[in-house]
């Protein structure tokens, strides 16, 4: 019976680890995308996305 519990706990830990790892990978990809966007804006001579005044959008 202890082996069954060990297998269940191992499976749960593996799933949690995979979820955390995929979240970290996703965050890295998002950061790379933002960096690419900001680099493109700088090449075009525009302000970086995080430096834009977003209150003026749509006017």
C-alpha atoms as a PDB file:
ATOM      1  CA  UNK A   1       0.000   0.000   0.000  1.00  0.00           C
ATOM      2  CA  UNK A   2       2.861   2.358   0.731  1.00  0.00           C
ATOM      3  CA  UNK A   3       4.096   1.905  -2.826  1.00  0.00           C
ATOM      4  CA  UNK A   4       0.748   3.036  -4.183  1.00  0.00           C
ATOM      5  CA  UNK A   5       0.871   6.182  -2.053  1.00  0.00           C
ATOM      6  CA  UNK A   6       4.462   6.808  -3.113  1.00  0.00           C
ATOM      7  CA  UNK A   7       3.467   6.535  -6.782  1.00  0.00           C
ATOM      8  CA  UNK A   8       0.505   8.873  -6.287  1.00  0.00           C
ATOM      9  CA  UNK A   9       2.616  11.444  -4.451  1.00  0.00           C
ATOM     10  CA  UNK A  10       5.328  11.148  -7.094  1.00  0.00           C
ATOM     11  CA  UNK A  11       2.787  11.747  -9.858  1.00  0.00           C
ATOM     12  CA  UNK A  12       1.334  14.787  -8.077  1.00  0.00           C
ATOM     13  CA  UNK A  13       4.784  16.270  -7.471  1.00  0.00           C
ATOM     14  CA  UNK A  14       5.725  15.685 -11.112  1.00  0.00           C
ATOM     15  CA  UNK A  15       2.558  17.395 -12.330  1.00  0.00           C
ATOM     16  CA  UNK A  16       3.129  20.362 -10.010  1.00  0.00           C
ATOM     17  CA  UNK A  17       6.740  20.661 -11.141  1.00  0.00           C
ATOM     18  CA  UNK A  18       5.668  20.583 -14.801  1.00  0.00           C
ATOM     19  CA  UNK A  19       3.050  23.265 -14.171  1.00  0.00           C
ATOM     20  CA  UNK A  20       5.539  25.533 -12.422  1.00  0.00           C
ATOM     21  CA  UNK A  21       8.203  24.941 -15.060  1.00  0.00           C
ATOM     22  CA  UNK A  22       5.799  25.685 -17.931  1.00  0.00           C
ATOM     23  CA  UNK A  23       4.690  28.884 -16.152  1.00  0.00           C
ATOM     24  CA  UNK A  24       8.322  29.987 -15.879  1.00  0.00           C
ATOM     25  CA  UNK A  25       8.910  29.177 -19.554  1.00  0.00           C
ATOM     26  CA  UNK A  26       5.792  31.138 -20.508  1.00  0.00           C
ATOM     27  CA  UNK A  27       6.978  34.158 -18.519  1.00  0.00           C
ATOM     28  CA  UNK A  28      10.351  34.000 -20.282  1.00  0.00           C
ATOM     29  CA  UNK A  29       8.664  33.927 -23.688  1.00  0.00           C
ATOM     30  CA  UNK A  30       6.477  36.895 -22.755  1.00  0.00           C
ATOM     31  CA  UNK A  31       9.551  38.815 -21.597  1.00  0.00           C
ATOM     32  CA  UNK A  32      11.337  38.028 -24.870  1.00  0.00           C
ATOM     33  CA  UNK A  33       8.303  39.254 -26.821  1.00  0.00           C
ATOM     34  CA  UNK A  34       8.184  42.525 -24.896  1.00  0.00           C
ATOM     35  CA  UNK A  35      11.920  42.997 -25.412  1.00  0.00           C
ATOM     36  CA  UNK A  36      11.546  42.374 -29.162  1.00  0.00           C
ATOM     37  CA  UNK A  37       8.673  44.882 -29.324  1.00  0.00           C
ATOM     38  CA  UNK A  38      10.669  47.517 -27.450  1.00  0.00           C
ATOM     39  CA  UNK A  39      13.715  46.912 -29.671  1.00  0.00           C
ATOM     40  CA  UNK A  40      11.552  47.322 -32.786  1.00  0.00           C
ATOM     41  CA  UNK A  41      10.042  50.556 -31.445  1.00  0.00           C
ATOM     42  CA  UNK A  42      13.506  51.929 -30.649  1.00  0.00           C
ATOM     43  CA  UNK A  43      14.722  51.106 -34.176  1.00  0.00           C
ATOM     44  CA  UNK A  44      11.740  53.039 -35.542  1.00  0.00           C
ATOM     45  CA  UNK A  45      12.584  56.004 -33.320  1.00  0.00           C
ATOM     46  CA  UNK A  46       9.463  55.618 -31.214  1.00  0.00           C
ATOM     47  CA  UNK A  47       9.355  55.492 -27.417  1.00  0.00           C
ATOM     48  CA  UNK A  48       9.489  52.124 -25.753  1.00  0.00           C
ATOM     49  CA  UNK A  49       6.102  50.574 -24.913  1.00  0.00           C
ATOM     50  CA  UNK A  50       6.672  50.980 -21.180  1.00  0.00           C
ATOM     51  CA  UNK A  51       7.510  54.670 -21.683  1.00  0.00           C
ATOM     52  CA  UNK A  52       4.451  55.545 -23.781  1.00  0.00           C
ATOM     53  CA  UNK A  53       1.573  57.571 -22.353  1.00  0.00           C
ATOM     54  CA  UNK A  54      -1.295  55.119 -22.754  1.00  0.00           C
ATOM     55  CA  UNK A  55      -3.863  57.626 -21.458  1.00  0.00           C
ATOM     56  CA  UNK A  56      -3.721  59.430 -24.820  1.00  0.00           C
ATOM     57  CA  UNK A  57      -4.678  56.355 -26.853  1.00  0.00           C
ATOM     58  CA  UNK A  58      -7.903  56.562 -28.790  1.00  0.00           C
ATOM     59  CA  UNK A  59      -7.992  60.350 -28.927  1.00  0.00           C
END
